[in-house]
Structure formats: C-alpha cells, structure tokens
Protein backbone atom coordinates (compact mmCIF):
# COMPACT_ATOMS: atom_id res chain seq x y z
CA MET A 1 -53.55 33.66 -6.94
CA ASN A 2 -52.20 36.76 -8.80
CA ILE A 3 -50.41 35.61 -12.04
CA ASN A 4 -47.55 38.00 -11.22
CA CYS A 5 -47.09 36.26 -7.96
CA VAL A 6 -47.00 32.88 -9.54
CA LEU A 7 -44.39 34.19 -12.17
CA TYR A 8 -42.23 35.64 -9.37
CA ARG A 9 -42.14 32.47 -7.43
CA PHE A 10 -41.35 30.34 -10.46
CA PHE A 11 -38.26 32.68 -11.29
CA PHE A 12 -37.23 32.85 -7.88
CA VAL A 13 -37.01 28.99 -7.54
CA ALA A 14 -35.46 28.73 -10.92
CA THR A 15 -32.71 31.09 -10.07
CA LEU A 16 -32.08 29.26 -6.77
CA LEU A 17 -31.75 25.88 -8.62
CA LEU A 18 -29.43 27.36 -11.22
CA ALA A 19 -27.19 28.89 -8.59
CA SER A 20 -26.96 25.64 -6.53
CA PRO A 21 -23.74 23.58 -7.05
CA ALA A 22 -25.58 20.41 -7.69
CA ALA A 23 -27.44 22.17 -10.66
CA THR A 24 -24.32 23.73 -11.96
CA ASN A 25 -22.56 20.31 -11.94
CA HIS A 26 -25.46 18.75 -13.52
CA LEU A 27 -25.63 21.24 -16.30
CA SER A 28 -21.86 21.35 -16.80
CA ALA A 29 -21.88 17.50 -17.08
CA GLN A 30 -24.41 17.66 -19.86
CA SER A 31 -21.74 19.68 -21.98
CA LEU A 32 -18.67 17.23 -21.18
CA ASP A 33 -17.43 14.82 -23.62
CA LYS A 34 -17.06 11.29 -22.36
CA VAL A 35 -13.54 9.95 -22.94
CA ARG A 36 -12.56 6.43 -21.99
CA LEU A 37 -8.71 6.21 -21.22
CA GLY A 38 -6.81 3.01 -20.48
CA TYR A 39 -3.29 3.12 -18.83
CA SER A 40 -0.62 0.80 -17.92
CA GLY A 41 2.21 0.95 -15.60
CA THR A 42 2.65 2.75 -12.35
CA GLY A 43 4.25 6.09 -11.39
CA ILE A 44 4.23 9.40 -13.19
CA ASN A 45 1.04 8.60 -15.33
CA ASN A 46 -1.10 8.26 -12.27
CA TYR A 47 0.11 11.42 -10.70
CA VAL A 48 -0.67 13.39 -13.92
CA LEU A 49 -4.23 11.82 -14.05
CA GLU A 50 -4.76 12.31 -10.34
CA MET A 51 -3.51 15.93 -10.33
CA GLY A 52 -5.82 16.64 -13.35
CA ARG A 53 -8.66 15.09 -11.57
CA ARG A 54 -8.15 16.80 -8.30
CA GLN A 55 -7.75 20.18 -9.91
CA GLY A 56 -10.74 19.87 -12.14
CA ILE A 57 -8.45 20.43 -15.32
CA PHE A 58 -10.03 17.78 -17.53
CA ARG A 59 -13.64 18.91 -16.74
CA LYS A 60 -12.58 22.50 -17.28
CA ASN A 61 -11.38 21.62 -20.72
CA GLY A 62 -14.82 19.84 -21.52
CA LEU A 63 -13.97 16.45 -20.70
CA ASP A 64 -15.49 13.77 -18.62
CA LEU A 65 -12.48 11.22 -18.47
CA GLU A 66 -13.07 7.66 -17.34
CA VAL A 67 -9.68 6.20 -16.31
CA VAL A 68 -9.21 2.38 -16.41
CA TYR A 69 -6.03 0.58 -15.31
CA VAL A 70 -4.83 -2.54 -17.49
CA ASN A 71 -1.88 -4.38 -16.14
CA SER A 72 0.30 -4.80 -19.24
CA GLY A 73 1.14 -2.38 -22.13
CA SER A 74 0.69 -5.13 -24.74
CA LEU A 75 -2.82 -6.01 -23.36
CA LEU A 76 -3.74 -2.36 -23.35
CA SER A 77 -2.60 -1.84 -27.05
CA GLN A 78 -4.85 -4.81 -27.91
CA ALA A 79 -7.72 -3.26 -26.04
CA LEU A 80 -7.27 0.01 -27.73
CA ILE A 81 -7.33 -1.59 -31.25
CA ALA A 82 -10.47 -3.53 -30.26
CA GLY A 83 -12.23 -0.05 -29.54
CA THR A 84 -12.40 -0.75 -25.69
CA PHE A 85 -10.73 2.44 -25.12
CA ASP A 86 -10.65 6.07 -27.02
CA LEU A 87 -6.88 6.35 -26.17
CA SER A 88 -4.18 4.56 -24.26
CA MET A 89 -1.51 6.11 -22.03
CA SER A 90 1.54 3.96 -22.10
CA GLN A 91 4.89 3.55 -23.64
CA GLY A 92 5.25 4.56 -27.23
CA SER A 93 7.10 1.40 -28.17
CA GLU A 94 3.77 -0.55 -27.80
CA ALA A 95 1.91 1.84 -30.15
CA MET A 96 4.71 1.53 -32.65
CA VAL A 97 4.73 -2.19 -32.72
CA ALA A 98 0.86 -2.26 -33.11
CA LYS A 99 1.46 0.16 -36.13
CA LEU A 100 4.00 -2.05 -37.58
CA ARG A 101 1.78 -5.12 -37.38
CA GLY A 102 -0.93 -3.29 -39.41
CA ALA A 103 -3.11 -1.32 -36.92
CA ASP A 104 -3.62 2.47 -37.53
CA VAL A 105 -2.33 3.41 -34.02
CA ARG A 106 -0.77 6.97 -33.76
CA ILE A 107 1.15 8.60 -31.16
CA VAL A 108 -0.48 11.99 -30.65
CA ALA A 109 1.66 13.35 -27.74
CA VAL A 110 4.62 12.10 -25.46
CA ILE A 111 4.51 13.51 -22.03
CA ALA A 112 7.80 11.93 -21.10
CA ASN A 113 10.54 11.71 -23.82
CA ARG A 114 13.10 9.86 -21.37
CA PHE A 115 13.07 6.93 -19.07
CA ASN A 116 11.74 6.96 -15.48
CA HIS A 117 12.46 3.37 -14.58
CA VAL A 118 15.48 1.61 -12.90
CA TYR A 119 16.81 -2.01 -12.99
CA LEU A 120 16.26 -3.68 -9.63
CA THR A 121 17.77 -6.90 -8.47
CA ALA A 122 17.65 -9.13 -5.44
CA PRO A 123 20.13 -8.39 -2.45
CA SER A 124 22.41 -11.00 -3.70
CA ILE A 125 22.80 -9.54 -7.17
CA THR A 126 25.23 -6.59 -7.39
CA SER A 127 26.03 -6.57 -10.89
CA PHE A 128 24.68 -7.25 -14.39
CA LYS A 129 27.35 -10.18 -14.78
CA GLN A 130 25.69 -11.83 -11.93
CA LEU A 131 22.35 -12.07 -13.75
CA LYS A 132 23.76 -14.34 -16.34
CA GLY A 133 21.97 -17.73 -16.29
CA LYS A 134 19.28 -16.08 -13.99
CA LYS A 135 15.51 -15.48 -14.43
CA VAL A 136 14.30 -11.83 -14.81
CA ALA A 137 10.72 -10.50 -15.08
CA VAL A 138 8.74 -8.41 -17.26
CA SER A 139 4.90 -7.89 -17.41
CA ARG A 140 4.39 -9.43 -20.84
CA PHE A 141 6.26 -10.16 -23.77
CA GLY A 142 6.28 -7.19 -26.30
CA SER A 143 5.41 -4.69 -23.51
CA GLY A 144 7.22 -1.54 -22.52
CA SER A 145 8.80 -3.28 -19.54
CA HIS A 146 10.18 -5.92 -22.06
CA PHE A 147 11.56 -3.25 -24.21
CA GLN A 148 13.26 -1.36 -21.37
CA THR A 149 14.53 -4.83 -19.99
CA ASN A 150 16.28 -5.45 -23.21
CA LEU A 151 17.91 -2.09 -23.38
CA ALA A 152 19.12 -2.26 -19.65
CA LEU A 153 20.49 -5.87 -20.06
CA LYS A 154 22.47 -4.92 -23.35
CA ASP A 155 23.82 -1.78 -21.78
CA GLY A 156 24.90 -3.93 -18.72
CA GLY A 157 26.78 -6.29 -21.27
CA LEU A 158 24.32 -9.19 -21.63
CA ASP A 159 22.33 -10.64 -24.46
CA PRO A 160 18.61 -10.70 -23.37
CA GLU A 161 18.06 -13.69 -25.70
CA LYS A 162 20.91 -15.94 -24.49
CA ASP A 163 22.16 -14.89 -21.11
CA VAL A 164 18.97 -14.73 -19.04
CA THR A 165 15.64 -16.46 -18.94
CA ILE A 166 12.71 -13.73 -19.22
CA LEU A 167 9.46 -14.50 -17.55
CA GLN A 168 6.00 -12.84 -17.98
CA ILE A 169 5.04 -11.97 -14.34
CA GLY A 170 2.67 -9.02 -14.44
CA ASN A 171 2.68 -5.53 -13.12
CA SER A 172 5.12 -3.79 -10.82
CA GLY A 173 3.55 -5.33 -7.55
CA ALA A 174 3.67 -8.93 -8.94
CA ARG A 175 7.28 -8.36 -10.15
CA ILE A 176 8.45 -7.15 -6.67
CA THR A 177 6.60 -10.23 -5.10
CA ALA A 178 8.49 -12.41 -7.58
CA ILE A 179 11.84 -11.17 -6.59
CA LEU A 180 10.99 -11.39 -2.81
CA SER A 181 10.07 -14.93 -3.26
CA GLY A 182 13.00 -15.99 -5.26
CA VAL A 183 11.07 -16.65 -8.49
CA VAL A 184 13.28 -14.07 -10.40
CA ASP A 185 16.51 -12.14 -9.49
CA GLY A 186 15.80 -8.87 -11.46
CA THR A 187 13.14 -6.62 -13.04
CA ILE A 188 12.76 -3.21 -14.64
CA MET A 189 10.86 -1.10 -12.11
CA ALA A 190 9.19 2.27 -11.73
CA ALA A 191 11.66 4.64 -10.00
CA ASP A 192 9.00 5.56 -7.36
CA PHE A 193 9.82 2.26 -5.64
CA VAL A 194 13.45 3.06 -5.10
CA PRO A 195 13.41 4.46 -1.44
CA LYS A 196 11.33 1.51 -0.25
CA ALA A 197 13.42 -1.03 -2.32
CA LYS A 198 16.83 0.16 -1.10
CA ARG A 199 15.55 0.04 2.62
CA GLU A 200 14.57 -3.57 2.04
CA GLY A 201 18.00 -4.43 0.68
CA PHE A 202 17.41 -4.44 -3.18
CA ASN A 203 20.01 -3.15 -5.48
CA VAL A 204 19.53 -0.59 -8.25
CA LEU A 205 21.91 -1.70 -11.17
CA ALA A 206 20.95 1.11 -13.40
CA ASP A 207 18.89 4.08 -13.48
CA LEU A 208 17.57 4.64 -17.01
CA ALA A 209 16.91 8.39 -16.41
CA ASP A 210 20.60 9.03 -16.12
CA THR A 211 21.02 7.78 -19.63
CA LYS A 212 20.87 10.33 -22.57
CA ILE A 213 18.66 8.02 -24.53
CA GLU A 214 15.53 9.51 -25.96
CA TYR A 215 12.42 7.23 -25.73
CA PRO A 216 8.78 7.83 -25.85
CA PHE A 217 8.40 6.71 -22.32
CA LEU A 218 4.75 7.89 -21.67
CA SER A 219 2.58 8.48 -24.90
CA LEU A 220 -0.95 9.20 -25.59
CA ASN A 221 -2.02 6.80 -28.38
CA MET A 222 -5.15 6.66 -30.50
CA LEU A 223 -6.61 5.09 -33.59
CA GLY A 224 -6.24 7.17 -36.68
CA SER A 225 -9.99 7.06 -37.34
CA TYR A 226 -10.75 8.49 -33.79
CA VAL A 227 -8.17 11.37 -34.38
CA ASP A 228 -9.58 12.24 -37.73
CA LYS A 229 -13.13 12.58 -36.33
CA ASN A 230 -12.29 14.11 -33.05
CA LEU A 231 -9.36 16.41 -33.45
CA LYS A 232 -11.03 19.19 -31.21
CA LEU A 233 -11.33 16.58 -28.47
CA VAL A 234 -7.76 15.30 -28.94
CA LYS A 235 -6.57 18.93 -28.31
CA ALA A 236 -8.62 19.28 -25.26
CA LEU A 237 -6.98 16.07 -23.90
CA ILE A 238 -3.52 17.09 -24.67
CA LYS A 239 -4.11 20.54 -23.27
CA SER A 240 -5.43 18.92 -20.10
CA MET A 241 -2.37 16.74 -19.68
CA SER A 242 -0.03 19.68 -20.27
CA GLU A 243 -1.91 21.77 -17.64
CA SER A 244 -1.89 18.76 -15.17
CA ILE A 245 1.91 18.49 -15.50
CA ARG A 246 2.38 22.15 -14.98
CA ALA A 247 0.28 21.90 -11.76
CA LEU A 248 2.21 18.79 -10.63
CA GLN A 249 5.46 20.38 -11.26
CA THR A 250 4.60 23.94 -9.58
CA ASP A 251 2.17 23.23 -6.85
CA SER A 252 4.22 21.15 -4.45
CA ALA A 253 1.70 20.79 -1.72
CA ASN A 254 -1.20 19.45 -4.08
CA ALA A 255 1.35 17.38 -6.08
CA LYS A 256 2.27 15.51 -2.75
CA VAL A 257 -1.33 14.83 -1.96
CA ALA A 258 -1.90 13.51 -5.49
CA ILE A 259 1.29 11.25 -5.37
CA ARG A 260 0.17 10.01 -1.91
CA LEU A 261 -3.27 9.03 -3.09
CA ALA A 262 -1.92 7.46 -6.37
CA LEU A 263 0.74 5.36 -4.54
CA LYS A 264 -1.29 4.72 -1.55
CA THR A 265 1.52 5.55 0.82
CA ASP A 266 2.23 7.94 3.49
CA ASP A 267 6.00 7.48 3.29
CA PRO A 268 7.48 11.08 3.00
CA GLU A 269 10.73 9.92 1.41
CA THR A 270 8.93 7.92 -1.32
CA ILE A 271 6.58 10.95 -2.03
CA ASP A 272 9.38 13.58 -2.09
CA TYR A 273 11.26 11.11 -4.47
CA ALA A 274 8.28 10.57 -6.71
CA LEU A 275 7.74 14.33 -7.16
CA MET A 276 11.36 14.98 -7.84
CA ARG A 277 11.26 12.40 -10.61
CA SER A 278 8.02 13.79 -12.03
CA ILE A 279 9.65 17.36 -12.33
CA ARG A 280 12.79 15.67 -13.92
CA VAL A 281 10.94 13.54 -16.54
CA LEU A 282 7.73 15.01 -17.63
CA ASP A 283 7.41 17.47 -20.41
CA ARG A 284 4.70 20.28 -20.47
CA ARG A 285 5.41 20.50 -24.26
CA PRO A 286 4.55 17.05 -25.10
CA PHE A 287 5.90 16.65 -28.64
CA PRO A 288 7.50 13.30 -29.58
CA THR A 289 10.98 13.32 -30.68
CA PRO A 290 12.74 11.90 -33.67
CA GLY A 291 15.34 10.58 -31.49
CA GLY A 292 12.87 8.78 -29.27
CA ILE A 293 11.17 7.17 -32.17
CA LYS A 294 14.70 6.07 -33.50
CA THR A 295 15.50 4.49 -30.26
CA VAL A 296 12.40 2.11 -30.64
CA LEU A 297 13.01 1.51 -34.43
CA ASP A 298 16.73 0.54 -33.55
CA GLU A 299 15.53 -2.11 -31.09
CA ILE A 300 12.53 -3.58 -33.02
CA GLY A 301 13.50 -2.80 -36.60
CA SER A 302 15.06 -6.18 -37.20
CA GLU A 303 11.72 -7.79 -36.80
CA PHE A 304 10.30 -5.73 -39.62
CA LYS A 305 12.99 -6.16 -42.38
CA GLY A 306 12.29 -4.71 -45.70
CA LYS A 307 9.99 -1.92 -44.44
CA THR A 308 10.96 1.78 -44.96
CA LEU A 309 10.30 3.30 -41.39
CA LYS A 310 10.31 6.98 -40.63
CA PHE A 311 9.21 9.25 -37.80
CA GLU A 312 6.08 10.40 -39.65
CA ASP A 313 4.72 6.94 -39.89
CA PHE A 314 4.12 6.72 -36.11
CA VAL A 315 3.03 10.14 -34.96
CA ASP A 316 0.24 12.50 -35.61
CA LEU A 317 1.17 16.14 -34.72
CA ARG A 318 -1.95 17.89 -35.99
CA ALA A 319 -3.35 18.51 -32.47
CA LEU A 320 -0.04 19.46 -31.01
CA ARG A 321 0.63 21.99 -33.81
CA GLU A 322 -2.49 23.63 -33.53
CA LEU A 323 -2.09 23.92 -29.62
CA GLU A 324 1.28 25.40 -30.31
CA LYS A 325 0.14 28.11 -32.59
CA GLU A 326 -2.67 28.94 -29.95
CA GLY A 327 0.05 29.35 -27.27
CA ALA A 328 -1.08 26.37 -25.11
CA PHE A 329 2.36 25.48 -24.00
CA LYS A 330 3.76 28.88 -23.28
CA GLN A 331 2.87 29.56 -19.61
C-alpha cells in the first residue's frame, strides 16, 4: 500500500478520535485535579454542589470533585484531620473547635455568613418556655447543630445546660423521625423542611435567618499543610463555589432542577422556598467575617480560657485575596 495512503488513513482516524466527545472527555479528565470533599448537613450546600456538577463548573476549573456525605459535622471534622478528605464543607464552628484543640484546620472561605436554619418543635410545643424540662435533638455534641441549638435556646430564654436534655440523634431525617415518634420535642432544622413541616403541624419557634447575627454557617475548611502545598487548587475550588452560587441565584430553571434532585422531592412549594433561601443566604464573594468568627468565640470561648483568640487564628485568606485581585467575584 502506498505510504501516503497509510499516513492519510492514520491522520483521518486520529482526527475522528480526537473530535469525539468520549476522547475529549478522556483527555480532559487526564488534566483534572482529583479533590475529595466531605460535607455534612442538608440544604444549600447540596444545591451548590449539585449546580456546580450539572453545569460542569468544577471540571471547567480543572477539578475532578468527589463528594461524600457525613452525617455529623463533628465526625466530618475528625475525618478531615485524619486525612480522609482534602476539605470539609460544614459550619465554621466545627473547624474553629478543631483549631482550638490543636489541629491546624483553617477556614479558607465562607459561602454563607448567616444562618439558614429554623428551630422546629412538635405540634404541642408553641413556645420556648414549653420546652423546659423536655428533650431536644442535635446531630452530635460539638456539631454545628449543637452550636445553633444553644444559640436558639438562649435567645428563647432557656439555659441549654439546665432547662433541657440534649440528645445525640443524627442527621435531619433522623431528628424529624425523633420528633414524629415523640422521642424529642424540638430540634434545629434546615429551613428547606419548613413547608412540609408546617403542613404536618410542626411549629417554627425561631427562624435564625431573621437574626442579624453573623456566623460562618457554611465554610470550606482545610488543613494548613494542604493549603500551603495546593494554593492554586484552593483558588480553583473557591472560584468554582462562587460560580456555582452565581448560577444557582440567577438561573432559576436549572436551580430548581438541582434543588429537586438534591432534596429528592417534586413538591413545588418546597423547591421554591429552598431557592428563595439560597438567594437570601449564599454569598458569591465568600469571605469570612470578623463578626461571624466572634459569634463562635463568644459561645465557645469559655471552654478555652487563657488563650488569646483572634480572627486571624482561624482563617486563611490567601486564596480569596488573590481571587479578589483577579476579579473573580466581580461578575
């Protein structure tokens, strides 16, 4: 066979392979950085991750993101420290407690600096005063749900240590089941459950989003050694989260699909309510705030008497500052 003919066929086949979607995906996958993310809680974190996945935002920014659910923030924090995950996505209070207990855990971004939870009670409980002497649920002691429970109970005039019995029950689904079965009378709960909960007769005693309290409600947490070695990758992660939030807040049709998939519900009231909360709570410019860090320190500081505690001890702003200079949050 003529050598020119052979070469022609070779280049023709090679061109077809390179042009095919499978080949393109294979090649692009080779250039992606594998990142393992653990998250806890339900609600807006799920929507951000699902939107980023559906829109291809993480892959566009060079990331092959593996996402794993852990049913407690305190367990997730332990897994991060053990090296199971490259980063955790949970409440900042959990990262701060880990730092105070000696682990070099750093908050590199906060995509929600205000609460998104409500305090939910059984139909027979219509005020915080009626919770006195009752049992209430958290996921685990030391978790973000425990932290928020303490704040909500104090704001309602109760002493969490004396006036109620706090039980470790598990994630949101387990806590709802515990109320339905009468095991407990109240719990902190993601606001996304509100429409369904109200239809079933539950009472919302407090909506923490209505408070003016700043709090690192949803933060990206990493070990210091990981940040030091992978700053470019950290920037790509934060940029992806910001872009996913922007898409969630501006593309209503796709956002509702992402929420439906994340919550596994077709209830339009729940989906619309969840989208409204996402627009209200999420920050496209995901800087932690001094006020949010102070909120946590005011609550847990007594446990660590004698230590001088300040904002800079808990956050690592290098990636955020570089992204800010590059205009990543201007759109």
